Each structure stands twice: as C-alpha cells, then as structure tokens.
Amino acid sequence: MAEKAINADLKELHGLLVSQMSALVDRLDEASTTDEVRKIQNEITELNHRVTVVGSLLFTEQTARIAKAMGKVRDAKTDVKATTKKIQDITKFLKSMSSFLTLVDKVIDTAKLIS
C-alpha cells in the first residue's frame, strides 16, 4: 500500500491556526477586562479544536475543492491578523474571528467529505 502525502493546503491551514492561537495567547496580557479575557480564551478554544481536526485530516487527498476553499482562508488571514494585533474593539475582533472560522470550517468540511 502506497503511503499518502501530506495535503499542502491542510498543512498550511494547520500552521495558520496554530499561529493564530499563539497570537491570541500573547494578546491575553493586553485584555483590559475579565470579559475580554474570557472571550479571547473562547476563541483560543475554538482554534484549538480546529487544529485537532485539521491535524487528523492532513493526509486527505489534495483537491481543487480544498485548494479553492483554502484560497478564501488566505484572503481572510490578513484581516484576522490585523484585528488580533490590536484588539481595541472586542466585538469587531469576534466578528472577524467568526468570519475567519466559517471559512476554515468550509475547508474542514470539504476535506472530511473527501477523506
């Protein structure tokens, strides 16, 4: 039986999610209220879950559908990184994360259907 290769898009997504999670951990020190800390921690939990799921899908076949869905994640990456860098408006940050995670979930769902 031939060994499967790691899916490059999913490997990139996995790294992006780990990086975003790390950036949020770093931002915890700058939160000004307990409520902000909890909200950031909730997003860390959401990211961690997806890191685990994507990790389990790394050997999924490379397809145009996954690549297309991943392209949308790449496009959204800049916005989520910018709102994470300066979490001045927690609502704006949460909306950005929610939109980003919706795109991530589309990649995950596409990969789950293929694997």
Protein backbone atom coordinates (compact mmCIF):
# COMPACT_ATOMS: atom_id res chain seq x y z
CA MET A 1 0.00 0.00 0.00
CA ALA A 2 1.44 3.37 -1.06
CA GLU A 3 1.94 5.94 1.64
CA LYS A 4 -0.15 9.09 1.29
CA ALA A 5 1.47 12.52 1.18
CA ILE A 6 0.52 15.36 3.47
CA ASN A 7 -2.00 17.70 1.89
CA ALA A 8 -0.12 21.02 1.40
CA ASP A 9 -3.26 23.16 1.86
CA LEU A 10 -4.23 21.42 5.08
CA LYS A 11 -0.67 21.62 6.38
CA GLU A 12 -0.71 25.37 5.69
CA LEU A 13 -4.10 25.70 7.40
CA HIS A 14 -2.85 23.76 10.42
CA GLY A 15 0.13 26.09 10.75
CA LEU A 16 -2.04 29.17 10.31
CA LEU A 17 -4.42 28.02 13.05
CA VAL A 18 -1.55 27.27 15.44
CA SER A 19 -0.04 30.68 14.70
CA GLN A 20 -3.36 32.46 15.28
CA MET A 21 -3.86 30.58 18.54
CA SER A 22 -0.40 31.62 19.70
CA ALA A 23 -1.09 35.25 18.77
CA LEU A 24 -4.25 35.18 20.90
CA VAL A 25 -2.39 33.71 23.86
CA ASP A 26 0.05 36.61 23.54
CA ARG A 27 -2.85 39.10 23.46
CA LEU A 28 -4.32 37.89 26.75
CA ASP A 29 -1.93 40.14 28.68
CA GLU A 30 -3.38 43.17 26.94
CA ALA A 31 -7.03 42.42 27.70
CA SER A 32 -8.45 45.13 29.93
CA THR A 33 -11.37 43.23 31.47
CA THR A 34 -12.20 39.74 32.66
CA ASP A 35 -14.89 39.60 29.99
CA GLU A 36 -12.32 40.28 27.26
CA VAL A 37 -10.04 37.57 28.65
CA ARG A 38 -12.91 35.07 28.60
CA LYS A 39 -13.86 35.98 25.04
CA ILE A 40 -10.28 35.64 23.84
CA GLN A 41 -9.96 32.31 25.68
CA ASN A 42 -13.15 31.10 23.97
CA GLU A 43 -11.60 31.89 20.59
CA ILE A 44 -8.42 30.04 21.61
CA THR A 45 -10.60 27.02 22.43
CA GLU A 46 -12.33 27.30 19.03
CA LEU A 47 -8.97 27.46 17.25
CA ASN A 48 -7.57 24.56 19.27
CA HIS A 49 -10.50 22.36 18.26
CA ARG A 50 -9.87 23.11 14.60
CA VAL A 51 -6.14 22.48 14.99
CA THR A 52 -7.01 18.99 16.23
CA VAL A 53 -9.50 18.32 13.44
CA VAL A 54 -7.21 19.58 10.68
CA GLY A 55 -4.35 17.56 12.17
CA SER A 56 -6.44 14.42 11.77
CA LEU A 57 -7.12 15.31 8.11
CA LEU A 58 -3.55 16.11 7.00
CA PHE A 59 -3.32 13.04 4.78
CA THR A 60 -6.50 13.84 2.86
CA GLU A 61 -6.06 13.84 -0.91
CA GLN A 62 -5.10 17.21 -2.44
CA THR A 63 -8.05 18.50 -4.48
CA ALA A 64 -9.10 21.64 -6.33
CA ARG A 65 -12.09 21.99 -3.96
CA ILE A 66 -9.87 22.09 -0.90
CA ALA A 67 -7.47 24.49 -2.66
CA LYS A 68 -10.35 26.80 -3.59
CA ALA A 69 -11.72 26.84 -0.03
CA MET A 70 -8.21 27.41 1.32
CA GLY A 71 -7.79 30.40 -1.02
CA LYS A 72 -10.65 32.12 0.81
CA VAL A 73 -8.92 31.46 4.14
CA ARG A 74 -5.72 33.00 2.78
CA ASP A 75 -7.67 36.08 1.70
CA ALA A 76 -9.19 36.45 5.19
CA LYS A 77 -5.91 35.85 7.02
CA THR A 78 -4.79 39.48 6.81
CA ASP A 79 -7.97 40.81 8.38
CA VAL A 80 -7.98 38.37 11.28
CA LYS A 81 -4.30 39.01 11.97
CA ALA A 82 -4.89 42.78 11.97
CA THR A 83 -7.83 42.60 14.37
CA THR A 84 -5.85 40.26 16.61
CA LYS A 85 -2.85 42.57 16.67
CA LYS A 86 -4.91 45.42 18.11
CA ILE A 87 -7.94 44.12 19.97
CA GLN A 88 -9.36 47.54 20.73
CA ASP A 89 -12.92 46.66 19.78
CA ILE A 90 -13.76 43.19 21.11
CA THR A 91 -16.94 43.00 19.02
CA LYS A 92 -15.04 43.74 15.81
CA PHE A 93 -12.45 41.15 16.79
CA LEU A 94 -15.11 38.49 17.48
CA LYS A 95 -16.85 39.20 14.16
CA SER A 96 -13.54 38.90 12.33
CA MET A 97 -12.73 35.61 14.07
CA SER A 98 -16.22 34.28 13.38
CA SER A 99 -15.93 35.06 9.66
CA PHE A 100 -12.46 33.53 9.55
CA LEU A 101 -13.55 30.36 11.34
CA THR A 102 -16.52 29.99 9.00
CA LEU A 103 -14.06 29.86 6.08
CA VAL A 104 -11.83 27.44 7.99
CA ASP A 105 -14.84 25.21 8.61
CA LYS A 106 -15.58 25.09 4.87
CA VAL A 107 -12.05 23.77 4.26
CA ILE A 108 -12.50 21.21 7.04
CA ASP A 109 -15.92 20.11 5.79
CA THR A 110 -14.61 19.73 2.24
CA ALA A 111 -11.67 17.65 3.46
CA LYS A 112 -13.92 15.48 5.63
CA LEU A 113 -16.07 14.64 2.61
CA ILE A 114 -13.01 13.56 0.65
CA SER A 115 -11.18 11.57 3.35
